[in-house]
C-alpha atoms as a PDB file:
ATOM      1  CA  UNK A   1      38.926 -32.482 -73.284  1.00  0.00           C
ATOM      2  CA  UNK A   2      36.517 -33.128 -70.664  1.00  0.00           C
ATOM      3  CA  UNK A   3      33.976 -30.863 -73.089  1.00  0.00           C
ATOM      4  CA  UNK A   4      34.780 -32.545 -76.046  1.00  0.00           C
ATOM      5  CA  UNK A   5      33.941 -36.027 -73.485  1.00  0.00           C
ATOM      6  CA  UNK A   6      30.576 -34.615 -72.944  1.00  0.00           C
ATOM      7  CA  UNK A   7      29.831 -33.673 -76.303  1.00  0.00           C
ATOM      8  CA  UNK A   8      30.986 -36.862 -77.793  1.00  0.00           C
ATOM      9  CA  UNK A   9      28.557 -38.303 -74.978  1.00  0.00           C
ATOM     10  CA  UNK A  10      25.864 -36.135 -75.473  1.00  0.00           C
ATOM     11  CA  UNK A  11      25.557 -37.339 -79.529  1.00  0.00           C
ATOM     12  CA  UNK A  12      26.320 -40.770 -79.070  1.00  0.00           C
ATOM     13  CA  UNK A  13      24.866 -42.045 -75.919  1.00  0.00           C
ATOM     14  CA  UNK A  14      21.871 -39.403 -75.616  1.00  0.00           C
ATOM     15  CA  UNK A  15      20.730 -39.537 -79.440  1.00  0.00           C
ATOM     16  CA  UNK A  16      16.967 -40.594 -77.951  1.00  0.00           C
ATOM     17  CA  UNK A  17      16.438 -37.845 -74.897  1.00  0.00           C
ATOM     18  CA  UNK A  18      16.549 -34.738 -74.675  1.00  0.00           C
ATOM     19  CA  UNK A  19      19.743 -34.619 -71.931  1.00  0.00           C
ATOM     20  CA  UNK A  20      21.605 -34.692 -75.304  1.00  0.00           C
ATOM     21  CA  UNK A  21      20.711 -30.292 -75.241  1.00  0.00           C
ATOM     22  CA  UNK A  22      21.736 -29.778 -71.611  1.00  0.00           C
ATOM     23  CA  UNK A  23      24.140 -27.607 -70.898  1.00  0.00           C
ATOM     24  CA  UNK A  24      27.352 -29.274 -69.606  1.00  0.00           C
ATOM     25  CA  UNK A  25      26.657 -28.321 -65.834  1.00  0.00           C
ATOM     26  CA  UNK A  26      23.147 -29.881 -65.551  1.00  0.00           C
ATOM     27  CA  UNK A  27      24.657 -32.979 -66.895  1.00  0.00           C
ATOM     28  CA  UNK A  28      27.231 -33.258 -64.565  1.00  0.00           C
ATOM     29  CA  UNK A  29      24.480 -32.390 -61.354  1.00  0.00           C
ATOM     30  CA  UNK A  30      22.049 -34.527 -62.825  1.00  0.00           C
ATOM     31  CA  UNK A  31      23.974 -37.918 -64.495  1.00  0.00           C
ATOM     32  CA  UNK A  32      27.045 -37.820 -62.864  1.00  0.00           C
ATOM     33  CA  UNK A  33      26.278 -37.409 -59.190  1.00  0.00           C
ATOM     34  CA  UNK A  34      24.046 -40.542 -58.773  1.00  0.00           C
ATOM     35  CA  UNK A  35      25.144 -42.907 -56.186  1.00  0.00           C
ATOM     36  CA  UNK A  36      26.711 -45.707 -57.847  1.00  0.00           C
ATOM     37  CA  UNK A  37      28.922 -48.764 -56.978  1.00  0.00           C
ATOM     38  CA  UNK A  38      31.130 -50.709 -58.763  1.00  0.00           C
ATOM     39  CA  UNK A  39      31.396 -54.457 -57.854  1.00  0.00           C
ATOM     40  CA  UNK A  40      33.603 -57.253 -59.367  1.00  0.00           C
ATOM     41  CA  UNK A  41      31.971 -61.047 -59.728  1.00  0.00           C
ATOM     42  CA  UNK A  42      32.837 -63.969 -62.309  1.00  0.00           C
ATOM     43  CA  UNK A  43      36.089 -61.842 -63.585  1.00  0.00           C
ATOM     44  CA  UNK A  44      32.854 -59.290 -64.827  1.00  0.00           C
ATOM     45  CA  UNK A  45      32.690 -55.401 -63.790  1.00  0.00           C
ATOM     46  CA  UNK A  46      29.163 -54.702 -62.601  1.00  0.00           C
ATOM     47  CA  UNK A  47      28.482 -50.936 -61.586  1.00  0.00           C
ATOM     48  CA  UNK A  48      24.638 -50.628 -59.223  1.00  0.00           C
ATOM     49  CA  UNK A  49      23.317 -47.352 -60.016  1.00  0.00           C
ATOM     50  CA  UNK A  50      20.808 -46.329 -56.847  1.00  0.00           C
ATOM     51  CA  UNK A  51      17.287 -47.034 -58.377  1.00  0.00           C
ATOM     52  CA  UNK A  52      15.807 -43.978 -56.123  1.00  0.00           C
ATOM     53  CA  UNK A  53      17.642 -41.823 -58.261  1.00  0.00           C
ATOM     54  CA  UNK A  54      15.605 -39.599 -60.768  1.00  0.00           C
ATOM     55  CA  UNK A  55      17.731 -39.854 -63.397  1.00  0.00           C
ATOM     56  CA  UNK A  56      18.971 -43.109 -63.364  1.00  0.00           C
ATOM     57  CA  UNK A  57      17.510 -44.645 -66.242  1.00  0.00           C
ATOM     58  CA  UNK A  58      18.412 -41.646 -68.356  1.00  0.00           C
ATOM     59  CA  UNK A  59      21.830 -42.499 -67.238  1.00  0.00           C
ATOM     60  CA  UNK A  60      21.385 -46.690 -67.918  1.00  0.00           C
ATOM     61  CA  UNK A  61      19.906 -45.795 -71.397  1.00  0.00           C
ATOM     62  CA  UNK A  62      23.405 -44.161 -72.364  1.00  0.00           C
ATOM     63  CA  UNK A  63      25.349 -46.627 -71.234  1.00  0.00           C
ATOM     64  CA  UNK A  64      23.251 -49.512 -72.533  1.00  0.00           C
ATOM     65  CA  UNK A  65      23.593 -47.502 -75.695  1.00  0.00           C
ATOM     66  CA  UNK A  66      27.722 -46.692 -75.551  1.00  0.00           C
ATOM     67  CA  UNK A  67      28.019 -50.713 -74.851  1.00  0.00           C
ATOM     68  CA  UNK A  68      26.078 -51.683 -78.116  1.00  0.00           C
ATOM     69  CA  UNK A  69      28.090 -49.599 -80.590  1.00  0.00           C
ATOM     70  CA  UNK A  70      31.283 -50.532 -78.601  1.00  0.00           C
ATOM     71  CA  UNK A  71      29.765 -54.178 -79.569  1.00  0.00           C
ATOM     72  CA  UNK A  72      29.052 -53.683 -83.543  1.00  0.00           C
ATOM     73  CA  UNK A  73      31.042 -54.217 -86.339  1.00  0.00           C
ATOM     74  CA  UNK A  74      33.001 -51.622 -87.803  1.00  0.00           C
END
């Protein structure tokens, strides 16, 4: 199941980046190890990623793309 999630993430979220072709071990090392914290405020859940992480911009782009896919009708 985890490998399927990684494959779908590459196809849906990382379409415009070379990270789409990364091996699962590299993807886990670079994107899933970014320091982050979750905060809840005003009935919203916020994810704060470390600005010092090299690959944080790739993770933000992927999350934004998934959010746009979720918001689009149909």
